[in-house]
Structure formats: structure tokens, C-alpha cells
C-alpha atoms as a PDB file:
ATOM      1  CA  MET A   1      17.330 -27.731  45.528  1.00  0.00           C
ATOM      2  CA  LYS A   2      13.809 -26.373  45.871  1.00  0.00           C
ATOM      3  CA  ILE A   3      12.421 -24.203  48.632  1.00  0.00           C
ATOM      4  CA  GLY A   4       9.747 -26.785  49.392  1.00  0.00           C
ATOM      5  CA  ALA A   5      12.398 -29.412  50.089  1.00  0.00           C
ATOM      6  CA  LEU A   6      14.116 -27.370  52.835  1.00  0.00           C
ATOM      7  CA  SER A   7      13.629 -28.467  56.441  1.00  0.00           C
ATOM      8  CA  PRO A   8      15.318 -27.553  59.727  1.00  0.00           C
ATOM      9  CA  THR A   9      18.089 -29.722  61.153  1.00  0.00           C
ATOM     10  CA  PRO A  10      16.676 -32.547  63.293  1.00  0.00           C
ATOM     11  CA  GLY A  11      16.585 -31.490  66.944  1.00  0.00           C
ATOM     12  CA  SER A  12      16.931 -27.755  66.200  1.00  0.00           C
ATOM     13  CA  THR A  13      13.234 -26.930  66.555  1.00  0.00           C
ATOM     14  CA  ARG A  14      10.885 -27.610  69.453  1.00  0.00           C
ATOM     15  CA  ARG A  15       7.129 -27.387  69.873  1.00  0.00           C
ATOM     16  CA  ARG A  16       5.881 -24.344  71.757  1.00  0.00           C
ATOM     17  CA  LYS A  17       4.883 -24.762  75.401  1.00  0.00           C
ATOM     18  CA  ARG A  18       1.081 -25.035  75.570  1.00  0.00           C
ATOM     19  CA  VAL A  19       0.018 -23.521  78.897  1.00  0.00           C
ATOM     20  CA  GLY A  20      -3.398 -23.532  80.504  1.00  0.00           C
ATOM     21  CA  CYS A  21      -4.408 -27.009  79.314  1.00  0.00           C
ATOM     22  CA  GLY A  22      -5.452 -28.617  82.605  1.00  0.00           C
ATOM     23  CA  THR A  23      -3.703 -29.503  85.864  1.00  0.00           C
ATOM     24  CA  GLY A  24      -2.483 -32.856  84.506  1.00  0.00           C
ATOM     25  CA  SER A  25      -0.280 -31.159  81.903  1.00  0.00           C
ATOM     26  CA  GLY A  26       1.955 -29.582  84.559  1.00  0.00           C
ATOM     27  CA  HIS A  27       1.281 -26.129  83.074  1.00  0.00           C
ATOM     28  CA  GLY A  28      -2.319 -25.667  84.160  1.00  0.00           C
ATOM     29  CA  LYS A  29      -3.915 -23.248  86.665  1.00  0.00           C
ATOM     30  CA  THR A  30      -1.213 -20.549  87.058  1.00  0.00           C
ATOM     31  CA  CYS A  31       0.471 -21.499  83.741  1.00  0.00           C
ATOM     32  CA  GLY A  32       4.056 -21.154  84.976  1.00  0.00           C
ATOM     33  CA  ARG A  33       3.575 -17.601  86.324  1.00  0.00           C
ATOM     34  CA  GLY A  34       3.631 -18.508  90.014  1.00  0.00           C
ATOM     35  CA  MET A  35       1.032 -17.135  92.425  1.00  0.00           C
ATOM     36  CA  LYS A  36      -0.284 -13.575  92.674  1.00  0.00           C
ATOM     37  CA  GLY A  37       1.556 -10.364  91.898  1.00  0.00           C
ATOM     38  CA  GLN A  38       2.329  -7.852  89.207  1.00  0.00           C
ATOM     39  CA  LYS A  39       4.205 -10.342  86.977  1.00  0.00           C
ATOM     40  CA  ALA A  40       1.403 -12.912  87.241  1.00  0.00           C
ATOM     41  CA  ARG A  41      -1.140 -10.359  86.041  1.00  0.00           C
ATOM     42  CA  GLY A  42       0.850  -9.351  82.952  1.00  0.00           C
ATOM     43  CA  SER A  43       0.978  -5.604  83.627  1.00  0.00           C
ATOM     44  CA  VAL A  44       4.754  -5.138  83.967  1.00  0.00           C
ATOM     45  CA  PRO A  45       6.697  -4.071  80.854  1.00  0.00           C
ATOM     46  CA  ALA A  46       9.796  -6.057  79.846  1.00  0.00           C
ATOM     47  CA  ARG A  47      12.091  -3.020  80.361  1.00  0.00           C
ATOM     48  CA  PHE A  48      10.960  -2.517  83.997  1.00  0.00           C
ATOM     49  CA  GLU A  49      13.787  -2.967  86.524  1.00  0.00           C
ATOM     50  CA  GLY A  50      11.836  -3.061  89.773  1.00  0.00           C
ATOM     51  CA  GLY A  51      12.023   0.642  90.579  1.00  0.00           C
ATOM     52  CA  GLN A  52      15.774   0.877  89.875  1.00  0.00           C
ATOM     53  CA  THR A  53      16.724   3.731  87.529  1.00  0.00           C
ATOM     54  CA  PRO A  54      16.213   2.213  84.070  1.00  0.00           C
ATOM     55  CA  LEU A  55      19.113   1.591  81.693  1.00  0.00           C
ATOM     56  CA  HIS A  56      18.041   4.270  79.196  1.00  0.00           C
ATOM     57  CA  ARG A  57      18.184   6.874  81.986  1.00  0.00           C
ATOM     58  CA  ARG A  58      21.513   5.628  83.387  1.00  0.00           C
ATOM     59  CA  MET A  59      23.309   6.017  80.054  1.00  0.00           C
ATOM     60  CA  ARG A  60      25.137   9.266  79.341  1.00  0.00           C
ATOM     61  CA  LYS A  61      23.635  11.672  76.838  1.00  0.00           C
ATOM     62  CA  LEU A  62      25.640  12.366  73.663  1.00  0.00           C
ATOM     63  CA  ARG A  63      24.772  15.662  72.054  1.00  0.00           C
ATOM     64  CA  GLY A  64      26.221  17.851  69.353  1.00  0.00           C
ATOM     65  CA  ILE A  65      28.543  17.144  66.436  1.00  0.00           C
ATOM     66  CA  SER A  66      31.502  15.058  67.546  1.00  0.00           C
ATOM     67  CA  LYS A  67      32.940  11.574  67.076  1.00  0.00           C
ATOM     68  CA  ALA A  68      31.202  10.460  70.294  1.00  0.00           C
ATOM     69  CA  ALA A  69      27.770  11.716  69.211  1.00  0.00           C
ATOM     70  CA  MET A  70      25.607  10.480  66.325  1.00  0.00           C
ATOM     71  CA  PRO A  71      26.011   9.305  63.625  1.00  0.00           C
ATOM     72  CA  ARG A  72      27.716   6.283  65.145  1.00  0.00           C
ATOM     73  CA  GLY A  73      29.022   2.953  63.959  1.00  0.00           C
ATOM     74  CA  MET A  74      27.800   1.877  60.553  1.00  0.00           C
ATOM     75  CA  LEU A  75      26.106   5.256  59.916  1.00  0.00           C
ATOM     76  CA  ARG A  76      29.412   7.153  60.057  1.00  0.00           C
ATOM     77  CA  LYS A  77      31.300   7.662  56.782  1.00  0.00           C
ATOM     78  CA  HIS A  78      34.615   5.830  56.391  1.00  0.00           C
ATOM     79  CA  TYR A  79      37.145   7.182  53.915  1.00  0.00           C
ATOM     80  CA  ALA A  80      40.110   5.391  52.357  1.00  0.00           C
ATOM     81  CA  ILE A  81      43.238   7.325  53.417  1.00  0.00           C
ATOM     82  CA  VAL A  82      46.028   8.221  50.960  1.00  0.00           C
ATOM     83  CA  ASN A  83      49.117  10.240  51.867  1.00  0.00           C
ATOM     84  CA  ILE A  84      50.926  12.534  49.414  1.00  0.00           C
ATOM     85  CA  GLY A  85      54.065  10.350  49.598  1.00  0.00           C
ATOM     86  CA  GLN A  86      52.108   7.401  48.151  1.00  0.00           C
ATOM     87  CA  LEU A  87      51.272   9.397  44.989  1.00  0.00           C
ATOM     88  CA  GLU A  88      54.987   9.606  44.080  1.00  0.00           C
ATOM     89  CA  ARG A  89      54.731   6.235  42.250  1.00  0.00           C
ATOM     90  CA  PHE A  90      52.575   7.709  39.439  1.00  0.00           C
ATOM     91  CA  GLU A  91      54.086   9.301  36.327  1.00  0.00           C
ATOM     92  CA  ALA A  92      54.176  13.073  35.921  1.00  0.00           C
ATOM     93  CA  GLY A  93      50.996  14.489  34.380  1.00  0.00           C
ATOM     94  CA  ALA A  94      48.904  11.423  35.260  1.00  0.00           C
ATOM     95  CA  GLN A  95      45.271  11.733  36.314  1.00  0.00           C
ATOM     96  CA  VAL A  96      44.997   9.983  39.697  1.00  0.00           C
ATOM     97  CA  THR A  97      41.418   8.774  40.289  1.00  0.00           C
ATOM     98  CA  PRO A  98      40.036   6.607  43.120  1.00  0.00           C
ATOM     99  CA  GLU A  99      39.708   3.717  40.627  1.00  0.00           C
ATOM    100  CA  LEU A 100      43.397   4.035  39.660  1.00  0.00           C
ATOM    101  CA  LEU A 101      44.401   4.041  43.344  1.00  0.00           C
ATOM    102  CA  LEU A 102      42.377   0.850  43.830  1.00  0.00           C
ATOM    103  CA  ALA A 103      43.846  -0.840  40.734  1.00  0.00           C
ATOM    104  CA  SER A 104      47.427   0.015  41.752  1.00  0.00           C
ATOM    105  CA  ARG A 105      46.713  -1.253  45.316  1.00  0.00           C
ATOM    106  CA  VAL A 106      47.416   2.045  47.064  1.00  0.00           C
ATOM    107  CA  ILE A 107      44.055   1.569  48.807  1.00  0.00           C
ATOM    108  CA  ARG A 108      42.247  -1.702  49.567  1.00  0.00           C
ATOM    109  CA  SER A 109      38.662  -0.485  49.021  1.00  0.00           C
ATOM    110  CA  LEU A 110      36.905   2.717  47.967  1.00  0.00           C
ATOM    111  CA  GLU A 111      34.625   2.741  51.064  1.00  0.00           C
ATOM    112  CA  ASP A 112      32.764   6.116  51.123  1.00  0.00           C
ATOM    113  CA  GLY A 113      35.446   7.940  49.147  1.00  0.00           C
ATOM    114  CA  VAL A 114      39.150   8.845  49.231  1.00  0.00           C
ATOM    115  CA  ARG A 115      40.718  11.354  51.608  1.00  0.00           C
ATOM    116  CA  VAL A 116      44.164  12.730  50.669  1.00  0.00           C
ATOM    117  CA  LEU A 117      46.398  13.758  53.574  1.00  0.00           C
ATOM    118  CA  GLY A 118      49.649  15.734  53.451  1.00  0.00           C
ATOM    119  CA  GLU A 119      52.273  13.360  54.889  1.00  0.00           C
ATOM    120  CA  GLY A 120      55.305  12.956  52.634  1.00  0.00           C
ATOM    121  CA  GLU A 121      56.637  14.912  49.670  1.00  0.00           C
ATOM    122  CA  LEU A 122      55.506  15.190  46.044  1.00  0.00           C
ATOM    123  CA  SER A 123      57.902  16.169  43.250  1.00  0.00           C
ATOM    124  CA  ARG A 124      55.651  15.433  40.225  1.00  0.00           C
ATOM    125  CA  SER A 125      52.793  17.332  38.648  1.00  0.00           C
ATOM    126  CA  LEU A 126      49.616  15.249  39.081  1.00  0.00           C
ATOM    127  CA  HIS A 127      45.881  15.808  38.544  1.00  0.00           C
ATOM    128  CA  VAL A 128      44.371  14.219  41.675  1.00  0.00           C
ATOM    129  CA  LEU A 129      40.625  13.505  42.055  1.00  0.00           C
ATOM    130  CA  ALA A 130      39.359  12.609  45.556  1.00  0.00           C
ATOM    131  CA  SER A 131      36.457  13.167  47.950  1.00  0.00           C
ATOM    132  CA  HIS A 132      38.450  15.311  50.374  1.00  0.00           C
ATOM    133  CA  PHE A 133      41.861  17.014  50.625  1.00  0.00           C
ATOM    134  CA  SER A 134      43.562  18.296  53.744  1.00  0.00           C
ATOM    135  CA  ALA A 135      44.915  21.858  53.483  1.00  0.00           C
ATOM    136  CA  SER A 136      48.547  20.675  53.539  1.00  0.00           C
ATOM    137  CA  ALA A 137      47.886  18.029  50.846  1.00  0.00           C
ATOM    138  CA  ARG A 138      46.215  20.566  48.550  1.00  0.00           C
ATOM    139  CA  GLY A 139      49.137  22.952  49.081  1.00  0.00           C
ATOM    140  CA  LYS A 140      51.780  20.315  48.260  1.00  0.00           C
ATOM    141  CA  ILE A 141      49.947  19.150  45.107  1.00  0.00           C
ATOM    142  CA  GLU A 142      49.612  22.708  43.803  1.00  0.00           C
ATOM    143  CA  ALA A 143      53.211  23.547  44.777  1.00  0.00           C
ATOM    144  CA  ALA A 144      54.385  20.632  42.601  1.00  0.00           C
ATOM    145  CA  GLY A 145      52.390  22.079  39.669  1.00  0.00           C
ATOM    146  CA  GLY A 146      49.411  19.731  39.868  1.00  0.00           C
ATOM    147  CA  THR A 147      45.720  20.181  40.582  1.00  0.00           C
ATOM    148  CA  ALA A 148      43.485  18.854  43.367  1.00  0.00           C
ATOM    149  CA  GLU A 149      39.857  18.328  42.336  1.00  0.00           C
ATOM    150  CA  VAL A 150      37.025  17.259  44.634  1.00  0.00           C
ATOM    151  CA  VAL A 151      34.652  14.665  43.145  1.00  0.00           C
END
């Protein structure tokens, strides 16, 4: 298939409305804008709500650093969560990396990094590499004789 051979589906495109082409066309004289007034003269912005308080002023203001304030949605970082109890499946002395967690299906995707949380118990000495450790997770890893390293 070549780019020159592409065409829209029949019936999906329409010709633009040509206004101001004589009274016989049905769109002559006032060109579909009605009679006089602000909207007929083209001076009203699209966001204008007729004197009502505009939407951007009705919305609440989100300030500061919180989950409600910016960055929002796709700009916020999303971490893959791993609990200490899930690391029990690895052998003692193993180096647990985000790639190993992905290969062993502990996490589904790497996202913006791996965050290790402290739920569960750990009885083996492991060298864990992750983006972030909670204080309880770091304590449990070091209590078991392992190390927690931030990458």
C-alpha cells in the first residue's frame, strides 16, 4: 500500500459550507449568522458565557504539593509496588533487580520504577535494587542481613 493510494471512506467527508455566495444559495446575505447583534459581528470569543461566571473562574484552585495538585494524570509518576513478603521466593544472596522482578512476574511492568514496601516478613539475605524503599522495608531487609540500594 502506498500513501498516494489512501482515500477516506465513502461518505465520511463532506464539502465545506460556502457562505456568502448569493441569496439563491440559501447561505447568502447574513450567511447563517441571523440578524444583528454581537454574535453576528464576530466579536464574541468562543469561551464567553453571556456574562455568567466563566468555567475557568468557577473551578477550584489547586495549589501546593499534594495528590490533588499538579502534576496530575499522565504527568504523575507511577511506580510498580513490591512488598517484602513477595521477595521471599528468591534464593538467599540473590541480587533482586527490577528486571528480575519483571521476569519472575512479581510485577507486570516497570512503569517509572519499583517501590518496595514493608508488608510481610523476610528471612533471607538479599541485595535489593529499587527506585524507592519505605523505612519499614529498608529495616526488614537490613535486619535479615541484606542490603537495600536505590537505583
